[in-house]
């Protein structure tokens, strides 16, 4: 499904002493990008690829605001080295919808008012999709347990759980 290498990669400002070229697929687009070996996946997405949906919250893997999928598994992109995504498939909130059609989880978050300020929402949605895909959305208690790594400072947890329950049934059908 990968297409040609995307031309929208921002150039490195300064050539690092330890550079590496990474070939990966981000939101179904092939990407080839030179990085400093110390670059996190979050910084690659936000600063080099201009995919700013994943947020830099704590930068310690404790809040979940930076959650993305790598090969279908949720990861804290702030703790994942970009060098580790060589040849892998990355999915961010920007690639979750199908064109103009929202993913069922995105729509459920809107329908259940599962957000307030919205800062954590992309990470919450990506974690919620993984929660369903991993088979952990059977009960509200299980959802809360498997979503516990994603913090919402506004306290929209009731809406988040309701959204996941709603979207889970739609995701299983479709």
N, C-alpha and C. Protein backbone atom coordinates (compact mmCIF):
# COMPACT_ATOMS: atom_id res chain seq x y z
N UNK A 1 0.81 -1.20 0.00
CA UNK A 1 0.00 0.00 0.00
C UNK A 1 0.85 1.26 0.00
N UNK A 2 2.12 1.12 0.36
CA UNK A 2 2.97 2.29 0.45
C UNK A 2 3.13 2.94 -0.92
N UNK A 3 3.18 4.25 -0.89
CA UNK A 3 3.35 5.01 -2.12
C UNK A 3 4.79 5.50 -2.18
N UNK A 4 5.05 6.42 -3.09
CA UNK A 4 6.39 6.99 -3.21
C UNK A 4 6.76 7.74 -1.95
N UNK A 5 8.06 7.96 -1.79
CA UNK A 5 8.56 8.67 -0.62
C UNK A 5 7.95 10.06 -0.59
N UNK A 6 7.44 10.45 0.56
CA UNK A 6 6.77 11.73 0.71
C UNK A 6 7.79 12.87 0.69
N UNK A 7 7.52 13.94 -0.03
CA UNK A 7 8.47 15.04 -0.14
C UNK A 7 8.33 16.08 0.97
N UNK A 8 7.40 15.93 1.90
CA UNK A 8 7.13 16.98 2.87
C UNK A 8 7.95 16.86 4.16
N UNK A 9 9.06 16.16 4.11
CA UNK A 9 9.91 16.04 5.28
C UNK A 9 10.73 17.31 5.46
N UNK A 10 10.66 17.88 6.65
CA UNK A 10 11.45 19.09 6.94
C UNK A 10 12.92 18.72 7.03
N UNK A 11 13.80 19.57 6.53
CA UNK A 11 15.22 19.25 6.58
C UNK A 11 15.78 19.36 8.00
N UNK A 12 16.85 18.63 8.25
CA UNK A 12 17.56 18.78 9.52
C UNK A 12 18.17 20.17 9.56
N UNK A 13 18.10 20.82 10.71
CA UNK A 13 18.66 22.16 10.83
C UNK A 13 20.18 22.11 10.85
N UNK A 14 20.73 21.12 11.55
CA UNK A 14 22.17 20.94 11.65
C UNK A 14 22.44 19.46 11.46
N UNK A 15 23.42 19.13 10.64
CA UNK A 15 23.75 17.72 10.42
C UNK A 15 24.39 17.15 11.68
N UNK A 16 23.76 16.13 12.28
CA UNK A 16 24.31 15.56 13.51
C UNK A 16 25.53 14.69 13.23
N UNK A 17 26.34 14.51 14.27
CA UNK A 17 27.51 13.64 14.14
C UNK A 17 27.08 12.19 13.96
N UNK A 18 25.95 11.83 14.54
CA UNK A 18 25.43 10.46 14.46
C UNK A 18 24.11 10.47 13.70
N UNK A 19 24.18 10.54 12.37
CA UNK A 19 22.98 10.58 11.54
C UNK A 19 22.62 9.17 11.07
N UNK A 20 21.35 8.99 10.78
CA UNK A 20 20.83 7.71 10.32
C UNK A 20 19.67 7.99 9.38
N UNK A 21 19.57 7.25 8.30
CA UNK A 21 18.42 7.37 7.41
C UNK A 21 17.43 6.27 7.79
N UNK A 22 16.20 6.68 8.05
CA UNK A 22 15.15 5.74 8.43
C UNK A 22 14.13 5.67 7.30
N UNK A 23 13.76 4.44 6.96
CA UNK A 23 12.71 4.18 5.97
C UNK A 23 11.54 3.56 6.72
N UNK A 24 10.40 4.20 6.66
CA UNK A 24 9.24 3.72 7.39
C UNK A 24 8.00 4.10 6.62
N UNK A 25 6.86 3.69 7.12
CA UNK A 25 5.58 4.08 6.54
C UNK A 25 4.77 4.78 7.63
N UNK A 26 4.34 6.00 7.33
CA UNK A 26 3.56 6.79 8.29
C UNK A 26 2.22 7.10 7.64
N UNK A 27 1.16 6.62 8.26
CA UNK A 27 -0.20 6.84 7.75
C UNK A 27 -0.31 6.43 6.28
N UNK A 28 0.22 5.27 5.99
CA UNK A 28 0.15 4.63 4.67
C UNK A 28 0.99 5.33 3.60
N UNK A 29 1.91 6.20 4.00
CA UNK A 29 2.82 6.87 3.08
C UNK A 29 4.26 6.47 3.40
N UNK A 30 5.01 6.06 2.39
CA UNK A 30 6.42 5.75 2.60
C UNK A 30 7.17 7.02 2.95
N UNK A 31 8.07 6.91 3.92
CA UNK A 31 8.86 8.04 4.36
C UNK A 31 10.32 7.61 4.45
N UNK A 32 11.18 8.44 3.92
CA UNK A 32 12.63 8.27 4.07
C UNK A 32 13.15 9.57 4.65
N UNK A 33 13.77 9.48 5.82
CA UNK A 33 14.18 10.70 6.50
C UNK A 33 15.49 10.47 7.24
N UNK A 34 16.37 11.46 7.16
CA UNK A 34 17.62 11.42 7.91
C UNK A 34 17.35 12.00 9.29
N UNK A 35 17.79 11.29 10.31
CA UNK A 35 17.56 11.71 11.69
C UNK A 35 18.86 11.65 12.49
N UNK A 36 18.87 12.35 13.57
CA UNK A 36 19.88 12.18 14.60
C UNK A 36 19.48 10.89 15.32
N UNK A 37 20.41 10.02 15.63
CA UNK A 37 20.07 8.73 16.24
C UNK A 37 19.36 8.88 17.59
N UNK A 38 19.44 10.04 18.21
CA UNK A 38 18.78 10.26 19.51
C UNK A 38 17.35 10.77 19.38
N UNK A 39 16.86 10.96 18.17
CA UNK A 39 15.53 11.51 17.93
C UNK A 39 14.44 10.54 18.39
N UNK A 40 13.46 11.07 19.10
CA UNK A 40 12.32 10.23 19.48
C UNK A 40 11.34 10.18 18.32
N UNK A 41 10.50 9.16 18.33
CA UNK A 41 9.45 9.06 17.31
C UNK A 41 8.53 10.27 17.39
N UNK A 42 8.22 10.73 18.59
CA UNK A 42 7.37 11.91 18.75
C UNK A 42 7.98 13.14 18.07
N UNK A 43 9.27 13.36 18.28
CA UNK A 43 9.92 14.52 17.65
C UNK A 43 9.99 14.35 16.14
N UNK A 44 10.22 13.16 15.66
CA UNK A 44 10.20 12.92 14.21
C UNK A 44 8.84 13.28 13.63
N UNK A 45 7.77 12.79 14.26
CA UNK A 45 6.42 13.06 13.77
C UNK A 45 6.09 14.55 13.81
N UNK A 46 6.34 15.18 14.93
CA UNK A 46 5.93 16.58 15.11
C UNK A 46 6.85 17.56 14.38
N UNK A 47 8.14 17.41 14.55
CA UNK A 47 9.08 18.42 14.05
C UNK A 47 9.52 18.21 12.62
N UNK A 48 9.59 16.97 12.18
CA UNK A 48 10.10 16.72 10.84
C UNK A 48 8.99 16.43 9.84
N UNK A 49 7.93 15.75 10.30
CA UNK A 49 6.85 15.37 9.39
C UNK A 49 5.61 16.25 9.54
N UNK A 50 5.63 17.21 10.45
CA UNK A 50 4.52 18.14 10.68
C UNK A 50 3.21 17.43 11.01
N UNK A 51 3.31 16.29 11.68
CA UNK A 51 2.13 15.57 12.17
C UNK A 51 2.03 15.87 13.66
N UNK A 52 1.27 16.89 13.99
CA UNK A 52 1.25 17.43 15.35
C UNK A 52 0.11 16.91 16.21
N UNK A 53 -0.59 15.88 15.75
CA UNK A 53 -1.69 15.32 16.54
C UNK A 53 -1.20 14.73 17.84
N UNK A 54 -0.15 13.93 17.79
CA UNK A 54 0.44 13.37 19.01
C UNK A 54 1.07 14.52 19.77
N UNK A 55 0.74 14.61 21.04
CA UNK A 55 1.19 15.75 21.85
C UNK A 55 2.35 15.38 22.75
N UNK A 56 3.18 16.38 23.04
CA UNK A 56 4.26 16.22 24.01
C UNK A 56 3.69 16.67 25.34
N UNK A 57 3.34 15.70 26.17
CA UNK A 57 2.77 16.02 27.47
C UNK A 57 3.85 16.00 28.53
N UNK A 58 4.22 14.82 28.97
CA UNK A 58 5.20 14.71 30.05
C UNK A 58 6.60 14.41 29.54
N UNK A 59 6.71 13.86 28.35
CA UNK A 59 7.99 13.45 27.75
C UNK A 59 8.67 12.36 28.58
N UNK A 60 7.89 11.63 29.38
CA UNK A 60 8.41 10.54 30.21
C UNK A 60 7.56 9.28 30.08
N UNK A 61 6.62 9.25 29.14
CA UNK A 61 5.79 8.06 28.93
C UNK A 61 4.75 7.83 30.00
N UNK A 62 4.39 8.85 30.74
CA UNK A 62 3.47 8.68 31.86
C UNK A 62 2.07 9.21 31.61
N UNK A 63 1.87 10.03 30.55
CA UNK A 63 0.57 10.67 30.39
C UNK A 63 -0.25 10.13 29.21
N UNK A 64 0.40 9.55 28.21
CA UNK A 64 -0.31 8.98 27.08
C UNK A 64 -0.68 9.96 25.98
N UNK A 65 -0.34 11.23 26.12
CA UNK A 65 -0.72 12.22 25.10
C UNK A 65 -0.03 11.96 23.76
N UNK A 66 1.06 11.22 23.77
CA UNK A 66 1.83 10.98 22.55
C UNK A 66 1.55 9.61 21.93
N UNK A 67 0.49 8.93 22.35
CA UNK A 67 0.21 7.57 21.90
C UNK A 67 -0.03 7.52 20.39
N UNK A 68 0.71 6.62 19.73
CA UNK A 68 0.53 6.29 18.32
C UNK A 68 0.60 4.77 18.21
N UNK A 69 0.34 4.25 17.03
CA UNK A 69 0.46 2.80 16.80
C UNK A 69 1.68 2.52 15.95
N UNK A 70 2.44 1.53 16.33
CA UNK A 70 3.55 1.02 15.53
C UNK A 70 3.25 -0.45 15.28
N UNK A 71 3.11 -0.78 14.01
CA UNK A 71 2.73 -2.15 13.61
C UNK A 71 1.48 -2.62 14.37
N UNK A 72 0.53 -1.71 14.53
CA UNK A 72 -0.74 -2.05 15.14
C UNK A 72 -0.75 -2.08 16.66
N UNK A 73 0.36 -1.78 17.29
CA UNK A 73 0.42 -1.77 18.76
C UNK A 73 0.62 -0.34 19.25
N UNK A 74 -0.05 0.00 20.34
CA UNK A 74 0.11 1.36 20.87
C UNK A 74 1.47 1.50 21.54
N UNK A 75 2.06 2.67 21.33
CA UNK A 75 3.34 2.98 21.96
C UNK A 75 3.32 4.43 22.42
N UNK A 76 4.14 4.71 23.42
CA UNK A 76 4.39 6.09 23.83
C UNK A 76 5.49 6.60 22.92
N UNK A 77 5.13 7.45 21.98
CA UNK A 77 6.11 7.88 20.98
C UNK A 77 7.23 8.72 21.57
N UNK A 78 7.03 9.29 22.75
CA UNK A 78 8.08 10.08 23.39
C UNK A 78 9.20 9.18 23.90
N UNK A 79 8.91 7.91 24.14
CA UNK A 79 9.90 6.97 24.64
C UNK A 79 10.44 6.04 23.56
N UNK A 80 9.93 6.16 22.35
CA UNK A 80 10.32 5.28 21.25
C UNK A 80 11.34 6.01 20.38
N UNK A 81 12.50 5.42 20.22
CA UNK A 81 13.49 6.02 19.34
C UNK A 81 13.03 5.89 17.90
N UNK A 82 13.17 6.97 17.14
CA UNK A 82 12.77 6.96 15.73
C UNK A 82 13.57 5.91 14.96
N UNK A 83 14.79 5.65 15.37
CA UNK A 83 15.62 4.65 14.70
C UNK A 83 15.00 3.26 14.79
N UNK A 84 14.15 3.02 15.78
CA UNK A 84 13.52 1.71 15.98
C UNK A 84 12.33 1.46 15.07
N UNK A 85 11.92 2.45 14.29
CA UNK A 85 10.75 2.26 13.42
C UNK A 85 11.15 1.93 11.98
N UNK A 86 12.42 1.65 11.76
CA UNK A 86 12.89 1.25 10.44
C UNK A 86 12.04 0.10 9.91
N UNK A 87 11.43 0.31 8.73
CA UNK A 87 10.64 -0.72 8.07
C UNK A 87 9.30 -1.01 8.71
N UNK A 88 8.89 -0.22 9.66
CA UNK A 88 7.64 -0.49 10.38
C UNK A 88 6.53 0.46 9.93
N UNK A 89 5.30 0.12 10.31
CA UNK A 89 4.10 0.88 9.96
C UNK A 89 3.69 1.73 11.16
N UNK A 90 3.62 3.04 10.95
CA UNK A 90 3.19 3.95 12.01
C UNK A 90 1.84 4.53 11.64
N UNK A 91 0.94 4.56 12.61
CA UNK A 91 -0.37 5.18 12.43
C UNK A 91 -0.55 6.23 13.50
N UNK A 92 -0.87 7.44 13.06
CA UNK A 92 -1.13 8.55 13.98
C UNK A 92 -2.60 8.94 13.86
N UNK A 93 -3.02 9.84 14.71
CA UNK A 93 -4.40 10.31 14.67
C UNK A 93 -4.74 10.89 13.30
N UNK A 94 -3.76 11.49 12.63
CA UNK A 94 -4.00 12.08 11.31
C UNK A 94 -4.36 11.02 10.27
N UNK A 95 -3.91 9.80 10.46
CA UNK A 95 -4.17 8.74 9.50
C UNK A 95 -5.28 7.80 9.90
N UNK A 96 -5.95 8.07 11.01
CA UNK A 96 -6.97 7.16 11.52
C UNK A 96 -8.26 7.19 10.71
N UNK A 97 -8.68 8.36 10.28
CA UNK A 97 -9.94 8.46 9.53
C UNK A 97 -9.75 7.97 8.10
N UNK A 98 -10.85 7.69 7.46
CA UNK A 98 -10.85 7.25 6.07
C UNK A 98 -11.27 8.42 5.21
N UNK A 99 -10.33 9.29 4.89
CA UNK A 99 -10.66 10.48 4.12
C UNK A 99 -11.55 11.41 4.92
N UNK A 100 -12.76 11.67 4.41
CA UNK A 100 -13.67 12.58 5.12
C UNK A 100 -14.54 11.84 6.14
N UNK A 101 -14.46 10.52 6.19
CA UNK A 101 -15.23 9.73 7.14
C UNK A 101 -14.42 9.49 8.41
N UNK A 102 -14.93 9.95 9.53
CA UNK A 102 -14.24 9.74 10.79
C UNK A 102 -14.23 8.26 11.15
N UNK A 103 -13.18 7.86 11.86
CA UNK A 103 -13.12 6.51 12.42
C UNK A 103 -14.24 6.42 13.47
N UNK A 104 -14.83 5.25 13.68
CA UNK A 104 -15.89 5.12 14.68
C UNK A 104 -15.50 5.64 16.06
N UNK A 105 -14.24 5.50 16.44
CA UNK A 105 -13.81 5.99 17.75
C UNK A 105 -13.80 7.51 17.77
N UNK A 106 -13.36 8.14 16.71
CA UNK A 106 -13.38 9.61 16.64
C UNK A 106 -14.82 10.11 16.75
N UNK A 107 -15.73 9.48 16.03
CA UNK A 107 -17.13 9.89 16.07
C UNK A 107 -17.72 9.67 17.45
N UNK A 108 -17.37 8.56 18.08
CA UNK A 108 -17.90 8.26 19.42
C UNK A 108 -17.40 9.29 20.44
N UNK A 109 -16.16 9.75 20.31
CA UNK A 109 -15.66 10.77 21.22
C UNK A 109 -16.47 12.06 21.07
N UNK A 110 -16.87 12.38 19.86
CA UNK A 110 -17.71 13.56 19.63
C UNK A 110 -19.10 13.31 20.20
N UNK A 111 -19.69 12.17 19.88
CA UNK A 111 -21.05 11.86 20.30
C UNK A 111 -21.21 11.81 21.82
N UNK A 112 -20.18 11.36 22.52
CA UNK A 112 -20.26 11.19 23.98
C UNK A 112 -19.56 12.32 24.74
N UNK A 113 -19.23 13.38 24.02
CA UNK A 113 -18.58 14.54 24.64
C UNK A 113 -17.41 14.09 25.51
N UNK A 114 -16.55 13.25 24.91
CA UNK A 114 -15.45 12.63 25.64
C UNK A 114 -14.18 13.47 25.61
N UNK A 115 -14.36 14.77 25.58
CA UNK A 115 -13.21 15.67 25.60
C UNK A 115 -13.65 17.01 26.15
N UNK A 116 -12.68 17.72 26.66
CA UNK A 116 -12.95 19.10 27.07
C UNK A 116 -11.94 20.01 26.40
N UNK A 117 -10.74 20.09 26.94
CA UNK A 117 -9.75 20.98 26.30
C UNK A 117 -9.22 20.37 25.01
N UNK A 118 -9.19 19.05 24.90
CA UNK A 118 -8.78 18.37 23.69
C UNK A 118 -7.31 18.02 23.60
N UNK A 119 -6.50 18.46 24.54
CA UNK A 119 -5.06 18.21 24.45
C UNK A 119 -4.75 16.72 24.45
N UNK A 120 -5.40 15.96 25.31
CA UNK A 120 -5.11 14.52 25.42
C UNK A 120 -5.89 13.69 24.40
N UNK A 121 -6.84 14.29 23.72
CA UNK A 121 -7.78 13.54 22.88
C UNK A 121 -7.12 12.68 21.81
N UNK A 122 -6.15 13.16 21.04
CA UNK A 122 -5.54 12.27 20.04
C UNK A 122 -4.93 11.01 20.67
N UNK A 123 -4.21 11.18 21.77
CA UNK A 123 -3.62 10.03 22.46
C UNK A 123 -4.68 9.12 23.05
N UNK A 124 -5.74 9.72 23.60
CA UNK A 124 -6.85 8.93 24.15
C UNK A 124 -7.49 8.09 23.05
N UNK A 125 -7.74 8.70 21.89
CA UNK A 125 -8.39 7.99 20.79
C UNK A 125 -7.50 6.86 20.28
N UNK A 126 -6.21 7.12 20.11
CA UNK A 126 -5.31 6.07 19.62
C UNK A 126 -5.23 4.93 20.62
N UNK A 127 -5.17 5.25 21.91
CA UNK A 127 -5.16 4.21 22.94
C UNK A 127 -6.49 3.46 22.97
N UNK A 128 -7.59 4.18 22.78
CA UNK A 128 -8.91 3.55 22.79
C UNK A 128 -9.07 2.57 21.63
N UNK A 129 -8.59 2.94 20.46
CA UNK A 129 -8.64 2.03 19.31
C UNK A 129 -7.85 0.77 19.63
N UNK A 130 -6.67 0.93 20.21
CA UNK A 130 -5.85 -0.22 20.59
C UNK A 130 -6.55 -1.05 21.67
N UNK A 131 -7.20 -0.40 22.60
CA UNK A 131 -7.93 -1.10 23.66
C UNK A 131 -8.97 -2.04 23.06
N UNK A 132 -9.70 -1.55 22.09
CA UNK A 132 -10.71 -2.37 21.41
C UNK A 132 -10.04 -3.47 20.60
N UNK A 133 -9.03 -3.10 19.81
CA UNK A 133 -8.34 -4.08 18.96
C UNK A 133 -7.68 -5.19 19.77
N UNK A 134 -7.23 -4.86 20.98
CA UNK A 134 -6.59 -5.83 21.86
C UNK A 134 -7.61 -6.69 22.60
N UNK A 135 -8.90 -6.41 22.43
CA UNK A 135 -9.94 -7.19 23.09
C UNK A 135 -10.17 -6.82 24.54
N UNK A 136 -9.86 -5.59 24.90
CA UNK A 136 -9.97 -5.17 26.29
C UNK A 136 -11.08 -4.16 26.54
N UNK A 137 -12.11 -4.17 25.68
CA UNK A 137 -13.20 -3.21 25.84
C UNK A 137 -14.51 -3.91 26.20
N UNK A 138 -14.43 -5.03 26.88
CA UNK A 138 -15.63 -5.80 27.20
C UNK A 138 -16.47 -5.23 28.33
N UNK A 139 -15.82 -4.58 29.28
CA UNK A 139 -16.55 -4.01 30.43
C UNK A 139 -15.97 -2.63 30.74
N UNK A 140 -16.75 -1.79 31.40
CA UNK A 140 -16.21 -0.47 31.80
C UNK A 140 -14.97 -0.60 32.69
N UNK A 141 -14.96 -1.59 33.56
CA UNK A 141 -13.81 -1.78 34.45
C UNK A 141 -12.55 -2.12 33.65
N UNK A 142 -12.71 -3.00 32.68
CA UNK A 142 -11.58 -3.41 31.84
C UNK A 142 -11.09 -2.22 30.98
N UNK A 143 -12.02 -1.45 30.46
CA UNK A 143 -11.65 -0.26 29.68
C UNK A 143 -10.84 0.69 30.56
N UNK A 144 -11.34 0.96 31.76
CA UNK A 144 -10.62 1.87 32.66
C UNK A 144 -9.22 1.35 32.97
N UNK A 145 -9.09 0.06 33.18
CA UNK A 145 -7.78 -0.54 33.47
C UNK A 145 -6.82 -0.36 32.29
N UNK A 146 -7.28 -0.66 31.09
CA UNK A 146 -6.41 -0.62 29.92
C UNK A 146 -6.21 0.79 29.37
N UNK A 147 -6.99 1.73 29.83
CA UNK A 147 -6.81 3.14 29.45
C UNK A 147 -6.11 3.93 30.55
N UNK A 148 -5.71 3.28 31.62
CA UNK A 148 -5.16 3.98 32.79
C UNK A 148 -3.85 4.71 32.49
N UNK A 149 -3.16 4.38 31.42
CA UNK A 149 -1.93 5.08 31.06
C UNK A 149 -2.16 6.39 30.32
N UNK A 150 -3.41 6.72 30.07
CA UNK A 150 -3.75 7.97 29.37
C UNK A 150 -4.49 8.88 30.33
N UNK A 151 -3.86 10.00 30.62
CA UNK A 151 -4.39 10.93 31.61
C UNK A 151 -5.16 12.07 30.93
N UNK A 152 -6.31 12.41 31.51
CA UNK A 152 -7.10 13.56 31.07
C UNK A 152 -7.19 14.51 32.25
N UNK A 153 -6.51 15.64 32.15
CA UNK A 153 -6.52 16.61 33.25
C UNK A 153 -7.89 17.22 33.46
N UNK A 154 -8.72 17.23 32.43
CA UNK A 154 -10.06 17.81 32.55
C UNK A 154 -11.05 16.84 33.19
N UNK A 155 -10.70 15.58 33.28
CA UNK A 155 -11.57 14.61 33.93
C UNK A 155 -12.73 14.13 33.07
N UNK A 156 -12.52 13.97 31.78
CA UNK A 156 -13.59 13.52 30.87
C UNK A 156 -13.72 12.01 30.83
N UNK A 157 -13.32 11.33 31.88
CA UNK A 157 -13.25 9.87 31.88
C UNK A 157 -14.60 9.18 31.66
N UNK A 158 -15.67 9.72 32.21
CA UNK A 158 -16.99 9.11 32.02
C UNK A 158 -17.35 9.08 30.54
N UNK A 159 -17.14 10.19 29.87
CA UNK A 159 -17.40 10.25 28.43
C UNK A 159 -16.47 9.38 27.62
N UNK A 160 -15.22 9.29 28.04
CA UNK A 160 -14.24 8.46 27.33
C UNK A 160 -14.65 6.99 27.39
N UNK A 161 -15.00 6.52 28.57
CA UNK A 161 -15.43 5.12 28.71
C UNK A 161 -16.68 4.86 27.89
N UNK A 162 -17.64 5.77 27.94
CA UNK A 162 -18.88 5.61 27.15
C UNK A 162 -18.56 5.59 25.65
N UNK A 163 -17.65 6.44 25.22
CA UNK A 163 -17.28 6.48 23.80
C UNK A 163 -16.64 5.16 23.37
N UNK A 164 -15.78 4.62 24.21
CA UNK A 164 -15.11 3.36 23.87
C UNK A 164 -16.12 2.23 23.81
N UNK A 165 -17.04 2.18 24.76
CA UNK A 165 -18.08 1.14 24.73
C UNK A 165 -18.90 1.24 23.44
N UNK A 166 -19.28 2.44 23.07
CA UNK A 166 -20.08 2.67 21.86
C UNK A 166 -19.29 2.27 20.60
N UNK A 167 -18.07 2.77 20.49
CA UNK A 167 -17.27 2.52 19.29
C UNK A 167 -16.87 1.05 19.18
N UNK A 168 -16.68 0.39 20.31
CA UNK A 168 -16.26 -1.02 20.27
C UNK A 168 -17.25 -1.88 19.51
N UNK A 169 -18.54 -1.67 19.75
CA UNK A 169 -19.54 -2.47 19.04
C UNK A 169 -19.52 -2.18 17.55
N UNK A 170 -19.30 -0.94 17.18
CA UNK A 170 -19.25 -0.58 15.76
C UNK A 170 -17.98 -1.09 15.09
N UNK A 171 -16.87 -1.06 15.82
CA UNK A 171 -15.60 -1.54 15.27
C UNK A 171 -15.64 -3.06 15.07
N UNK A 172 -16.28 -3.76 15.96
CA UNK A 172 -16.38 -5.24 15.84
C UNK A 172 -17.25 -5.62 14.66
N UNK A 173 -18.28 -4.81 14.36
CA UNK A 173 -19.18 -5.09 13.23
C UNK A 173 -18.54 -4.77 11.89
N UNK A 174 -17.73 -3.73 11.88
CA UNK A 174 -17.24 -3.24 10.60
C UNK A 174 -15.81 -3.46 10.39
